[in-house]
Amino acid sequence: MLLAPGKFFKPESGTETLLMQTIGIRDVVLGLGACAAWMRGDGAFRGWATAGLISDSADLLLGLRSRPLVGTKSALIATLAPVPFVGAGLLGFARSLRKSLA
């Protein structure tokens, strides 16, 4: 989303491109933090993963209520873009809980 936002959708305005790039920047920061914590193995990974999941979930919720502000097509993009990341985050937490219970 940061380097090639056009791969995810056809931007109709500079605002949409900027939005995708800012999401990309945030995802790079959260991802690098999570990877660094995971490599260190100091237990901070779950905090980074939680921050990413909260952020992506908030994006999804904001997208759901954004239609009056940006129109139907842009609201759909804003709503659906974080869905795979929320799903991956939930899957990761489910797996970590299963491992800790085993």
PDB file of N, CA and C in Angstrom:
ATOM      1  N   MET A   1       0.807  -1.190   0.000  1.00  0.00           N
ATOM      2  CA  MET A   1       0.000   0.000   0.000  1.00  0.00           C
ATOM      3  C   MET A   1       0.855   1.260   0.000  1.00  0.00           C
ATOM      4  N   LEU A   2       2.048   1.145   0.530  1.00  0.00           N
ATOM      5  CA  LEU A   2       2.918   2.308   0.601  1.00  0.00           C
ATOM      6  C   LEU A   2       3.558   2.614  -0.750  1.00  0.00           C
ATOM      7  N   LEU A   3       4.151   1.619  -1.374  1.00  0.00           N
ATOM      8  CA  LEU A   3       4.908   1.846  -2.600  1.00  0.00           C
ATOM      9  C   LEU A   3       4.069   1.795  -3.867  1.00  0.00           C
ATOM     10  N   ALA A   4       3.022   0.975  -3.867  1.00  0.00           N
ATOM     11  CA  ALA A   4       2.210   0.821  -5.075  1.00  0.00           C
ATOM     12  C   ALA A   4       0.730   0.719  -4.717  1.00  0.00           C
ATOM     13  N   PRO A   5       0.133   1.807  -4.231  1.00  0.00           N
ATOM     14  CA  PRO A   5      -1.272   1.730  -3.829  1.00  0.00           C
ATOM     15  C   PRO A   5      -2.211   1.362  -4.974  1.00  0.00           C
ATOM     16  N   GLY A   6      -1.808   1.612  -6.208  1.00  0.00           N
ATOM     17  CA  GLY A   6      -2.630   1.266  -7.368  1.00  0.00           C
ATOM     18  C   GLY A   6      -2.805  -0.232  -7.559  1.00  0.00           C
ATOM     19  N   LYS A   7      -1.993  -1.046  -6.891  1.00  0.00           N
ATOM     20  CA  LYS A   7      -2.130  -2.503  -6.973  1.00  0.00           C
ATOM     21  C   LYS A   7      -3.376  -2.972  -6.233  1.00  0.00           C
ATOM     22  N   PHE A   8      -3.864  -2.185  -5.281  1.00  0.00           N
ATOM     23  CA  PHE A   8      -4.996  -2.574  -4.457  1.00  0.00           C
ATOM     24  C   PHE A   8      -6.313  -2.013  -4.965  1.00  0.00           C
ATOM     25  N   PHE A   9      -6.268  -0.886  -5.646  1.00  0.00           N
ATOM     26  CA  PHE A   9      -7.455  -0.250  -6.185  1.00  0.00           C
ATOM     27  C   PHE A   9      -7.018   0.807  -7.179  1.00  0.00           C
ATOM     28  N   LYS A  10      -7.953   1.291  -7.976  1.00  0.00           N
ATOM     29  CA  LYS A  10      -7.647   2.354  -8.932  1.00  0.00           C
ATOM     30  C   LYS A  10      -7.977   3.688  -8.262  1.00  0.00           C
ATOM     31  N   PRO A  11      -6.957   4.396  -7.810  1.00  0.00           N
ATOM     32  CA  PRO A  11      -7.235   5.651  -7.103  1.00  0.00           C
ATOM     33  C   PRO A  11      -7.882   6.675  -8.026  1.00  0.00           C
ATOM     34  N   GLU A  12      -8.920   7.304  -7.515  1.00  0.00           N
ATOM     35  CA  GLU A  12      -9.612   8.324  -8.277  1.00  0.00           C
ATOM     36  C   GLU A  12      -9.199   9.724  -7.843  1.00  0.00           C
ATOM     37  N   SER A  13      -8.450   9.786  -6.761  1.00  0.00           N
ATOM     38  CA  SER A  13      -7.999  11.086  -6.285  1.00  0.00           C
ATOM     39  C   SER A  13      -6.697  10.933  -5.520  1.00  0.00           C
ATOM     40  N   GLY A  14      -6.023  12.051  -5.368  1.00  0.00           N
ATOM     41  CA  GLY A  14      -4.800  12.050  -4.571  1.00  0.00           C
ATOM     42  C   GLY A  14      -5.082  11.710  -3.126  1.00  0.00           C
ATOM     43  N   THR A  15      -6.277  12.040  -2.664  1.00  0.00           N
ATOM     44  CA  THR A  15      -6.657  11.743  -1.281  1.00  0.00           C
ATOM     45  C   THR A  15      -6.687  10.233  -1.047  1.00  0.00           C
ATOM     46  N   GLU A  16      -7.248   9.484  -1.981  1.00  0.00           N
ATOM     47  CA  GLU A  16      -7.293   8.030  -1.840  1.00  0.00           C
ATOM     48  C   GLU A  16      -5.888   7.429  -1.878  1.00  0.00           C
ATOM     49  N   THR A  17      -5.036   7.942  -2.735  1.00  0.00           N
ATOM     50  CA  THR A  17      -3.656   7.463  -2.792  1.00  0.00           C
ATOM     51  C   THR A  17      -2.944   7.757  -1.480  1.00  0.00           C
ATOM     52  N   LEU A  18      -3.106   8.963  -0.970  1.00  0.00           N
ATOM     53  CA  LEU A  18      -2.489   9.341   0.303  1.00  0.00           C
ATOM     54  C   LEU A  18      -2.986   8.455   1.435  1.00  0.00           C
ATOM     55  N   LEU A  19      -4.270   8.167   1.449  1.00  0.00           N
ATOM     56  CA  LEU A  19      -4.833   7.297   2.478  1.00  0.00           C
ATOM     57  C   LEU A  19      -4.177   5.923   2.453  1.00  0.00           C
ATOM     58  N   MET A  20      -4.064   5.339   1.288  1.00  0.00           N
ATOM     59  CA  MET A  20      -3.441   4.023   1.175  1.00  0.00           C
ATOM     60  C   MET A  20      -1.977   4.067   1.617  1.00  0.00           C
ATOM     61  N   GLN A  21      -1.276   5.140   1.276  1.00  0.00           N
ATOM     62  CA  GLN A  21       0.125   5.244   1.659  1.00  0.00           C
ATOM     63  C   GLN A  21       0.295   5.431   3.160  1.00  0.00           C
ATOM     64  N   THR A  22      -0.589   6.194   3.797  1.00  0.00           N
ATOM     65  CA  THR A  22      -0.473   6.355   5.244  1.00  0.00           C
ATOM     66  C   THR A  22      -0.775   5.042   5.958  1.00  0.00           C
ATOM     67  N   ILE A  23      -1.726   4.278   5.445  1.00  0.00           N
ATOM     68  CA  ILE A  23      -1.993   2.954   6.009  1.00  0.00           C
ATOM     69  C   ILE A  23      -0.769   2.068   5.827  1.00  0.00           C
ATOM     70  N   GLY A  24      -0.133   2.166   4.666  1.00  0.00           N
ATOM     71  CA  GLY A  24       1.078   1.385   4.415  1.00  0.00           C
ATOM     72  C   GLY A  24       2.201   1.732   5.374  1.00  0.00           C
ATOM     73  N   ILE A  25       2.387   3.019   5.658  1.00  0.00           N
ATOM     74  CA  ILE A  25       3.429   3.438   6.603  1.00  0.00           C
ATOM     75  C   ILE A  25       3.154   2.843   7.977  1.00  0.00           C
ATOM     76  N   ARG A  26       1.922   2.966   8.431  1.00  0.00           N
ATOM     77  CA  ARG A  26       1.563   2.429   9.751  1.00  0.00           C
ATOM     78  C   ARG A  26       1.789   0.922   9.796  1.00  0.00           C
ATOM     79  N   ASP A  27       1.407   0.224   8.728  1.00  0.00           N
ATOM     80  CA  ASP A  27       1.576  -1.226   8.713  1.00  0.00           C
ATOM     81  C   ASP A  27       3.051  -1.628   8.717  1.00  0.00           C
ATOM     82  N   VAL A  28       3.890  -0.866   8.020  1.00  0.00           N
ATOM     83  CA  VAL A  28       5.327  -1.154   8.029  1.00  0.00           C
ATOM     84  C   VAL A  28       5.888  -0.983   9.443  1.00  0.00           C
ATOM     85  N   VAL A  29       5.515   0.087  10.117  1.00  0.00           N
ATOM     86  CA  VAL A  29       6.013   0.329  11.478  1.00  0.00           C
ATOM     87  C   VAL A  29       5.554  -0.763  12.434  1.00  0.00           C
ATOM     88  N   LEU A  30       4.263  -1.084  12.405  1.00  0.00           N
ATOM     89  CA  LEU A  30       3.757  -2.132  13.294  1.00  0.00           C
ATOM     90  C   LEU A  30       4.370  -3.492  12.955  1.00  0.00           C
ATOM     91  N   GLY A  31       4.515  -3.767  11.671  1.00  0.00           N
ATOM     92  CA  GLY A  31       5.097  -5.044  11.262  1.00  0.00           C
ATOM     93  C   GLY A  31       6.554  -5.172  11.660  1.00  0.00           C
ATOM     94  N   LEU A  32       7.335  -4.101  11.471  1.00  0.00           N
ATOM     95  CA  LEU A  32       8.746  -4.144  11.875  1.00  0.00           C
ATOM     96  C   LEU A  32       8.881  -4.293  13.385  1.00  0.00           C
ATOM     97  N   GLY A  33       8.048  -3.596  14.127  1.00  0.00           N
ATOM     98  CA  GLY A  33       8.074  -3.730  15.588  1.00  0.00           C
ATOM     99  C   GLY A  33       7.746  -5.144  16.025  1.00  0.00           C
ATOM    100  N   ALA A  34       6.717  -5.733  15.408  1.00  0.00           N
ATOM    101  CA  ALA A  34       6.321  -7.100  15.747  1.00  0.00           C
ATOM    102  C   ALA A  34       7.417  -8.093  15.374  1.00  0.00           C
ATOM    103  N   CYS A  35       8.020  -7.922  14.199  1.00  0.00           N
ATOM    104  CA  CYS A  35       9.093  -8.834  13.775  1.00  0.00           C
ATOM    105  C   CYS A  35      10.311  -8.722  14.691  1.00  0.00           C
ATOM    106  N   ALA A  36      10.667  -7.510  15.060  1.00  0.00           N
ATOM    107  CA  ALA A  36      11.805  -7.317  15.970  1.00  0.00           C
ATOM    108  C   ALA A  36      11.526  -7.957  17.323  1.00  0.00           C
ATOM    109  N   ALA A  37      10.324  -7.784  17.842  1.00  0.00           N
ATOM    110  CA  ALA A  37       9.968  -8.379  19.135  1.00  0.00           C
ATOM    111  C   ALA A  37       9.961  -9.906  19.041  1.00  0.00           C
ATOM    112  N   TRP A  38       9.445 -10.427  17.942  1.00  0.00           N
ATOM    113  CA  TRP A  38       9.415 -11.877  17.763  1.00  0.00           C
ATOM    114  C   TRP A  38      10.832 -12.440  17.702  1.00  0.00           C
ATOM    115  N   MET A  39      11.726 -11.739  16.985  1.00  0.00           N
ATOM    116  CA  MET A  39      13.116 -12.215  16.862  1.00  0.00           C
ATOM    117  C   MET A  39      13.838 -12.151  18.207  1.00  0.00           C
ATOM    118  N   ARG A  40      13.536 -11.122  19.014  1.00  0.00           N
ATOM    119  CA  ARG A  40      14.159 -11.019  20.336  1.00  0.00           C
ATOM    120  C   ARG A  40      13.599 -12.065  21.284  1.00  0.00           C
ATOM    121  N   GLY A  41      12.361 -12.451  21.066  1.00  0.00           N
ATOM    122  CA  GLY A  41      11.735 -13.458  21.918  1.00  0.00           C
ATOM    123  C   GLY A  41      11.485 -12.971  23.338  1.00  0.00           C
ATOM    124  N   ASP A  42      11.296 -11.666  23.506  1.00  0.00           N
ATOM    125  CA  ASP A  42      11.158 -11.125  24.862  1.00  0.00           C
ATOM    126  C   ASP A  42       9.712 -10.986  25.319  1.00  0.00           C
ATOM    127  N   GLY A  43       8.782 -11.543  24.598  1.00  0.00           N
ATOM    128  CA  GLY A  43       7.385 -11.483  24.997  1.00  0.00           C
ATOM    129  C   GLY A  43       6.657 -10.233  24.549  1.00  0.00           C
ATOM    130  N   ALA A  44       7.346  -9.292  23.932  1.00  0.00           N
ATOM    131  CA  ALA A  44       6.709  -8.054  23.486  1.00  0.00           C
ATOM    132  C   ALA A  44       5.917  -8.248  22.190  1.00  0.00           C
ATOM    133  N   PHE A  45       6.089  -9.393  21.542  1.00  0.00           N
ATOM    134  CA  PHE A  45       5.407  -9.626  20.272  1.00  0.00           C
ATOM    135  C   PHE A  45       3.895  -9.492  20.408  1.00  0.00           C
ATOM    136  N   ARG A  46       3.339 -10.062  21.455  1.00  0.00           N
ATOM    137  CA  ARG A  46       1.882 -10.020  21.626  1.00  0.00           C
ATOM    138  C   ARG A  46       1.381  -8.582  21.714  1.00  0.00           C
ATOM    139  N   GLY A  47       2.133  -7.701  22.337  1.00  0.00           N
ATOM    140  CA  GLY A  47       1.744  -6.292  22.420  1.00  0.00           C
ATOM    141  C   GLY A  47       1.716  -5.635  21.045  1.00  0.00           C
ATOM    142  N   TRP A  48       2.737  -5.900  20.238  1.00  0.00           N
ATOM    143  CA  TRP A  48       2.764  -5.353  18.878  1.00  0.00           C
ATOM    144  C   TRP A  48       1.631  -5.931  18.044  1.00  0.00           C
ATOM    145  N   ALA A  49       1.397  -7.235  18.186  1.00  0.00           N
ATOM    146  CA  ALA A  49       0.310  -7.869  17.432  1.00  0.00           C
ATOM    147  C   ALA A  49      -1.044  -7.306  17.870  1.00  0.00           C
ATOM    148  N   THR A  50      -1.197  -7.061  19.153  1.00  0.00           N
ATOM    149  CA  THR A  50      -2.439  -6.476  19.659  1.00  0.00           C
ATOM    150  C   THR A  50      -2.638  -5.070  19.095  1.00  0.00           C
ATOM    151  N   ALA A  51      -1.579  -4.283  19.075  1.00  0.00           N
ATOM    152  CA  ALA A  51      -1.671  -2.923  18.520  1.00  0.00           C
ATOM    153  C   ALA A  51      -2.095  -2.970  17.049  1.00  0.00           C
ATOM    154  N   GLY A  52      -1.524  -3.896  16.289  1.00  0.00           N
ATOM    155  CA  GLY A  52      -1.895  -4.044  14.882  1.00  0.00           C
ATOM    156  C   GLY A  52      -3.352  -4.446  14.713  1.00  0.00           C
ATOM    157  N   LEU A  53      -3.802  -5.394  15.536  1.00  0.00           N
ATOM    158  CA  LEU A  53      -5.188  -5.857  15.443  1.00  0.00           C
ATOM    159  C   LEU A  53      -6.167  -4.749  15.832  1.00  0.00           C
ATOM    160  N   ILE A  54      -5.856  -3.999  16.870  1.00  0.00           N
ATOM    161  CA  ILE A  54      -6.720  -2.887  17.276  1.00  0.00           C
ATOM    162  C   ILE A  54      -6.777  -1.842  16.168  1.00  0.00           C
ATOM    163  N   SER A  55      -5.639  -1.519  15.607  1.00  0.00           N
ATOM    164  CA  SER A  55      -5.581  -0.522  14.541  1.00  0.00           C
ATOM    165  C   SER A  55      -6.381  -0.959  13.318  1.00  0.00           C
ATOM    166  N   ASP A  56      -6.188  -2.185  12.891  1.00  0.00           N
ATOM    167  CA  ASP A  56      -6.914  -2.690  11.716  1.00  0.00           C
ATOM    168  C   ASP A  56      -8.413  -2.795  11.990  1.00  0.00           C
ATOM    169  N   SER A  57      -8.787  -3.192  13.193  1.00  0.00           N
ATOM    170  CA  SER A  57     -10.203  -3.270  13.546  1.00  0.00           C
ATOM    171  C   SER A  57     -10.834  -1.885  13.559  1.00  0.00           C
ATOM    172  N   ALA A  58     -10.103  -0.892  14.071  1.00  0.00           N
ATOM    173  CA  ALA A  58     -10.606   0.480  14.064  1.00  0.00           C
ATOM    174  C   ALA A  58     -10.773   0.984  12.630  1.00  0.00           C
ATOM    175  N   ASP A  59      -9.833   0.632  11.755  1.00  0.00           N
ATOM    176  CA  ASP A  59      -9.964   1.001  10.337  1.00  0.00           C
ATOM    177  C   ASP A  59     -11.240   0.414   9.741  1.00  0.00           C
ATOM    178  N   LEU A  60     -11.499  -0.842  10.043  1.00  0.00           N
ATOM    179  CA  LEU A  60     -12.687  -1.496   9.522  1.00  0.00           C
ATOM    180  C   LEU A  60     -13.953  -0.790  10.022  1.00  0.00           C
ATOM    181  N   LEU A  61     -14.011  -0.502  11.314  1.00  0.00           N
ATOM    182  CA  LEU A  61     -15.185   0.169  11.879  1.00  0.00           C
ATOM    183  C   LEU A  61     -15.369   1.569  11.294  1.00  0.00           C
ATOM    184  N   LEU A  62     -14.277   2.286  11.121  1.00  0.00           N
ATOM    185  CA  LEU A  62     -14.372   3.615  10.531  1.00  0.00           C
ATOM    186  C   LEU A  62     -14.861   3.534   9.085  1.00  0.00           C
ATOM    187  N   GLY A  63     -14.376   2.540   8.362  1.00  0.00           N
ATOM    188  CA  GLY A  63     -14.831   2.349   6.985  1.00  0.00           C
ATOM    189  C   GLY A  63     -16.324   2.109   6.913  1.00  0.00           C
ATOM    190  N   LEU A  64     -16.868   1.380   7.887  1.00  0.00           N
ATOM    191  CA  LEU A  64     -18.300   1.090   7.901  1.00  0.00           C
ATOM    192  C   LEU A  64     -19.152   2.348   8.018  1.00  0.00           C
ATOM    193  N   ARG A  65     -18.620   3.372   8.654  1.00  0.00           N
ATOM    194  CA  ARG A  65     -19.421   4.584   8.832  1.00  0.00           C
ATOM    195  C   ARG A  65     -18.951   5.758   7.968  1.00  0.00           C
ATOM    196  N   SER A  66     -18.132   5.485   6.966  1.00  0.00           N
ATOM    197  CA  SER A  66     -17.530   6.569   6.189  1.00  0.00           C
ATOM    198  C   SER A  66     -18.290   6.927   4.906  1.00  0.00           C
ATOM    199  N   ARG A  67     -19.333   6.193   4.561  1.00  0.00           N
ATOM    200  CA  ARG A  67     -20.024   6.441   3.297  1.00  0.00           C
ATOM    201  C   ARG A  67     -20.519   7.877   3.129  1.00  0.00           C
ATOM    202  N   PRO A  68     -21.126   8.493   4.140  1.00  0.00           N
ATOM    203  CA  PRO A  68     -21.570   9.878   3.947  1.00  0.00           C
ATOM    204  C   PRO A  68     -20.420  10.849   3.664  1.00  0.00           C
ATOM    205  N   LEU A  69     -19.257  10.521   4.144  1.00  0.00           N
ATOM    206  CA  LEU A  69     -18.100  11.402   3.975  1.00  0.00           C
ATOM    207  C   LEU A  69     -17.404  11.223   2.632  1.00  0.00           C
ATOM    208  N   VAL A  70     -17.235   9.972   2.192  1.00  0.00           N
ATOM    209  CA  VAL A  70     -16.408   9.717   1.006  1.00  0.00           C
ATOM    210  C   VAL A  70     -17.143   9.053  -0.149  1.00  0.00           C
ATOM    211  N   GLY A  71     -18.390   8.666   0.037  1.00  0.00           N
ATOM    212  CA  GLY A  71     -19.138   7.993  -1.019  1.00  0.00           C
ATOM    213  C   GLY A  71     -19.050   6.478  -0.876  1.00  0.00           C
ATOM    214  N   THR A  72     -19.904   5.805  -1.606  1.00  0.00           N
ATOM    215  CA  THR A  72     -20.037   4.355  -1.469  1.00  0.00           C
ATOM    216  C   THR A  72     -18.774   3.600  -1.877  1.00  0.00           C
ATOM    217  N   LYS A  73     -18.211   3.910  -3.039  1.00  0.00           N
ATOM    218  CA  LYS A  73     -17.055   3.164  -3.525  1.00  0.00           C
ATOM    219  C   LYS A  73     -15.855   3.304  -2.580  1.00  0.00           C
ATOM    220  N   SER A  74     -15.543   4.521  -2.178  1.00  0.00           N
ATOM    221  CA  SER A  74     -14.401   4.729  -1.278  1.00  0.00           C
ATOM    222  C   SER A  74     -14.662   4.111   0.093  1.00  0.00           C
ATOM    223  N   ALA A  75     -15.910   4.166   0.561  1.00  0.00           N
ATOM    224  CA  ALA A  75     -16.252   3.555   1.840  1.00  0.00           C
ATOM    225  C   ALA A  75     -16.075   2.040   1.773  1.00  0.00           C
ATOM    226  N   LEU A  76     -16.433   1.453   0.645  1.00  0.00           N
ATOM    227  CA  LEU A  76     -16.255   0.013   0.469  1.00  0.00           C
ATOM    228  C   LEU A  76     -14.772  -0.353   0.497  1.00  0.00           C
ATOM    229  N   ILE A  77     -13.955   0.430  -0.170  1.00  0.00           N
ATOM    230  CA  ILE A  77     -12.510   0.201  -0.152  1.00  0.00           C
ATOM    231  C   ILE A  77     -11.987   0.319   1.278  1.00  0.00           C
ATOM    232  N   ALA A  78     -12.401   1.376   1.983  1.00  0.00           N
ATOM    233  CA  ALA A  78     -11.934   1.597   3.353  1.00  0.00           C
ATOM    234  C   ALA A  78     -12.391   0.482   4.287  1.00  0.00           C
ATOM    235  N   THR A  79     -13.554  -0.077   4.032  1.00  0.00           N
ATOM    236  CA  THR A  79     -14.080  -1.135   4.889  1.00  0.00           C
ATOM    237  C   THR A  79     -13.405  -2.470   4.597  1.00  0.00           C
ATOM    238  N   LEU A  80     -13.222  -2.791   3.331  1.00  0.00           N
ATOM    239  CA  LEU A  80     -12.705  -4.111   2.969  1.00  0.00           C
ATOM    240  C   LEU A  80     -11.182  -4.225   3.046  1.00  0.00           C
ATOM    241  N   ALA A  81     -10.467  -3.128   2.912  1.00  0.00           N
ATOM    242  CA  ALA A  81      -8.996  -3.192   2.904  1.00  0.00           C
ATOM    243  C   ALA A  81      -8.418  -3.834   4.169  1.00  0.00           C
ATOM    244  N   PRO A  82      -8.917  -3.531   5.369  1.00  0.00           N
ATOM    245  CA  PRO A  82      -8.309  -4.143   6.550  1.00  0.00           C
ATOM    246  C   PRO A  82      -8.819  -5.546   6.880  1.00  0.00           C
ATOM    247  N   VAL A  83      -9.830  -6.037   6.176  1.00  0.00           N
ATOM    248  CA  VAL A  83     -10.428  -7.333   6.520  1.00  0.00           C
ATOM    249  C   VAL A  83      -9.396  -8.472   6.551  1.00  0.00           C
ATOM    250  N   PRO A  84      -8.525  -8.625   5.546  1.00  0.00           N
ATOM    251  CA  PRO A  84      -7.552  -9.730   5.614  1.00  0.00           C
ATOM    252  C   PRO A  84      -6.603  -9.608   6.802  1.00  0.00           C
ATOM    253  N   PHE A  85      -6.270  -8.384   7.179  1.00  0.00           N
ATOM    254  CA  PHE A  85      -5.342  -8.172   8.288  1.00  0.00           C
ATOM    255  C   PHE A  85      -6.019  -8.468   9.628  1.00  0.00           C
ATOM    256  N   VAL A  86      -7.287  -8.101   9.761  1.00  0.00           N
ATOM    257  CA  VAL A  86      -8.037  -8.441  10.976  1.00  0.00           C
ATOM    258  C   VAL A  86      -8.159  -9.964  11.073  1.00  0.00           C
ATOM    259  N   GLY A  87      -8.479 -10.602   9.963  1.00  0.00           N
ATOM    260  CA  GLY A  87      -8.580 -12.063   9.949  1.00  0.00           C
ATOM    261  C   GLY A  87      -7.271 -12.735  10.336  1.00  0.00           C
ATOM    262  N   ALA A  88      -6.172 -12.254   9.776  1.00  0.00           N
ATOM    263  CA  ALA A  88      -4.863 -12.833  10.104  1.00  0.00           C
ATOM    264  C   ALA A  88      -4.527 -12.612  11.571  1.00  0.00           C
ATOM    265  N   GLY A  89      -4.843 -11.437  12.087  1.00  0.00           N
ATOM    266  CA  GLY A  89      -4.584 -11.153  13.497  1.00  0.00           C
ATOM    267  C   GLY A  89      -5.379 -12.056  14.414  1.00  0.00           C
ATOM    268  N   LEU A  90      -6.657 -12.240  14.098  1.00  0.00           N
ATOM    269  CA  LEU A  90      -7.499 -13.124  14.915  1.00  0.00           C
ATOM    270  C   LEU A  90      -7.017 -14.567  14.836  1.00  0.00           C
ATOM    271  N   LEU A  91      -6.616 -14.993  13.646  1.00  0.00           N
ATOM    272  CA  LEU A  91      -6.081 -16.348  13.491  1.00  0.00           C
ATOM    273  C   LEU A  91      -4.814 -16.527  14.321  1.00  0.00           C
ATOM    274  N   GLY A  92      -3.943 -15.528  14.287  1.00  0.00           N
ATOM    275  CA  GLY A  92      -2.712 -15.599  15.075  1.00  0.00           C
ATOM    276  C   GLY A  92      -2.981 -15.689  16.566  1.00  0.00           C
ATOM    277  N   PHE A  93      -3.934 -14.898  17.046  1.00  0.00           N
ATOM    278  CA  PHE A  93      -4.266 -14.961  18.467  1.00  0.00           C
ATOM    279  C   PHE A  93      -4.901 -16.293  18.836  1.00  0.00           C
ATOM    280  N   ALA A  94      -5.749 -16.826  17.967  1.00  0.00           N
ATOM    281  CA  ALA A  94      -6.356 -18.128  18.232  1.00  0.00           C
ATOM    282  C   ALA A  94      -5.279 -19.209  18.312  1.00  0.00           C
ATOM    283  N   ARG A  95      -4.315 -19.153  17.421  1.00  0.00           N
ATOM    284  CA  ARG A  95      -3.225 -20.138  17.447  1.00  0.00           C
ATOM    285  C   ARG A  95      -2.375 -19.997  18.708  1.00  0.00           C
ATOM    286  N   SER A  96      -2.100 -18.762  19.113  1.00  0.00           N
ATOM    287  CA  SER A  96      -1.274 -18.564  20.302  1.00  0.00           C
ATOM    288  C   SER A  96      -2.018 -19.046  21.551  1.00  0.00           C
ATOM    289  N   LEU A  97      -3.331 -18.837  21.600  1.00  0.00           N
ATOM    290  CA  LEU A  97      -4.109 -19.324  22.734  1.00  0.00           C
ATOM    291  C   LEU A  97      -4.134 -20.848  22.765  1.00  0.00           C
ATOM    292  N   ARG A  98      -4.265 -21.437  21.596  1.00  0.00           N
ATOM    293  CA  ARG A  98      -4.274 -22.901  21.520  1.00  0.00           C
ATOM    294  C   ARG A  98      -2.938 -23.473  21.994  1.00  0.00           C
ATOM    295  N   LYS A  99      -1.826 -22.815  21.610  1.00  0.00           N
ATOM    296  CA  LYS A  99      -0.508 -23.276  22.050  1.00  0.00           C
ATOM    297  C   LYS A  99      -0.347 -23.120  23.544  1.00  0.00           C
ATOM    298  N   SER A 100      -0.834 -22.026  24.117  1.00  0.00           N
ATOM    299  CA  SER A 100      -0.662 -21.803  25.555  1.00  0.00           C
ATOM    300  C   SER A 100      -1.552 -22.737  26.370  1.00  0.00           C
ATOM    301  N   LEU A 101      -2.664 -23.215  25.804  1.00  0.00           N
ATOM    302  CA  LEU A 101      -3.533 -24.142  26.513  1.00  0.00           C
ATOM    303  C   LEU A 101      -3.039 -25.580  26.410  1.00  0.00           C
ATOM    304  N   ALA A 102      -2.222 -25.853  25.404  1.00  0.00           N
ATOM    305  CA  ALA A 102      -1.730 -27.221  25.187  1.00  0.00           C
ATOM    306  C   ALA A 102      -0.604 -27.583  26.118  1.00  0.00           C
TER     307      ALA A 102
END
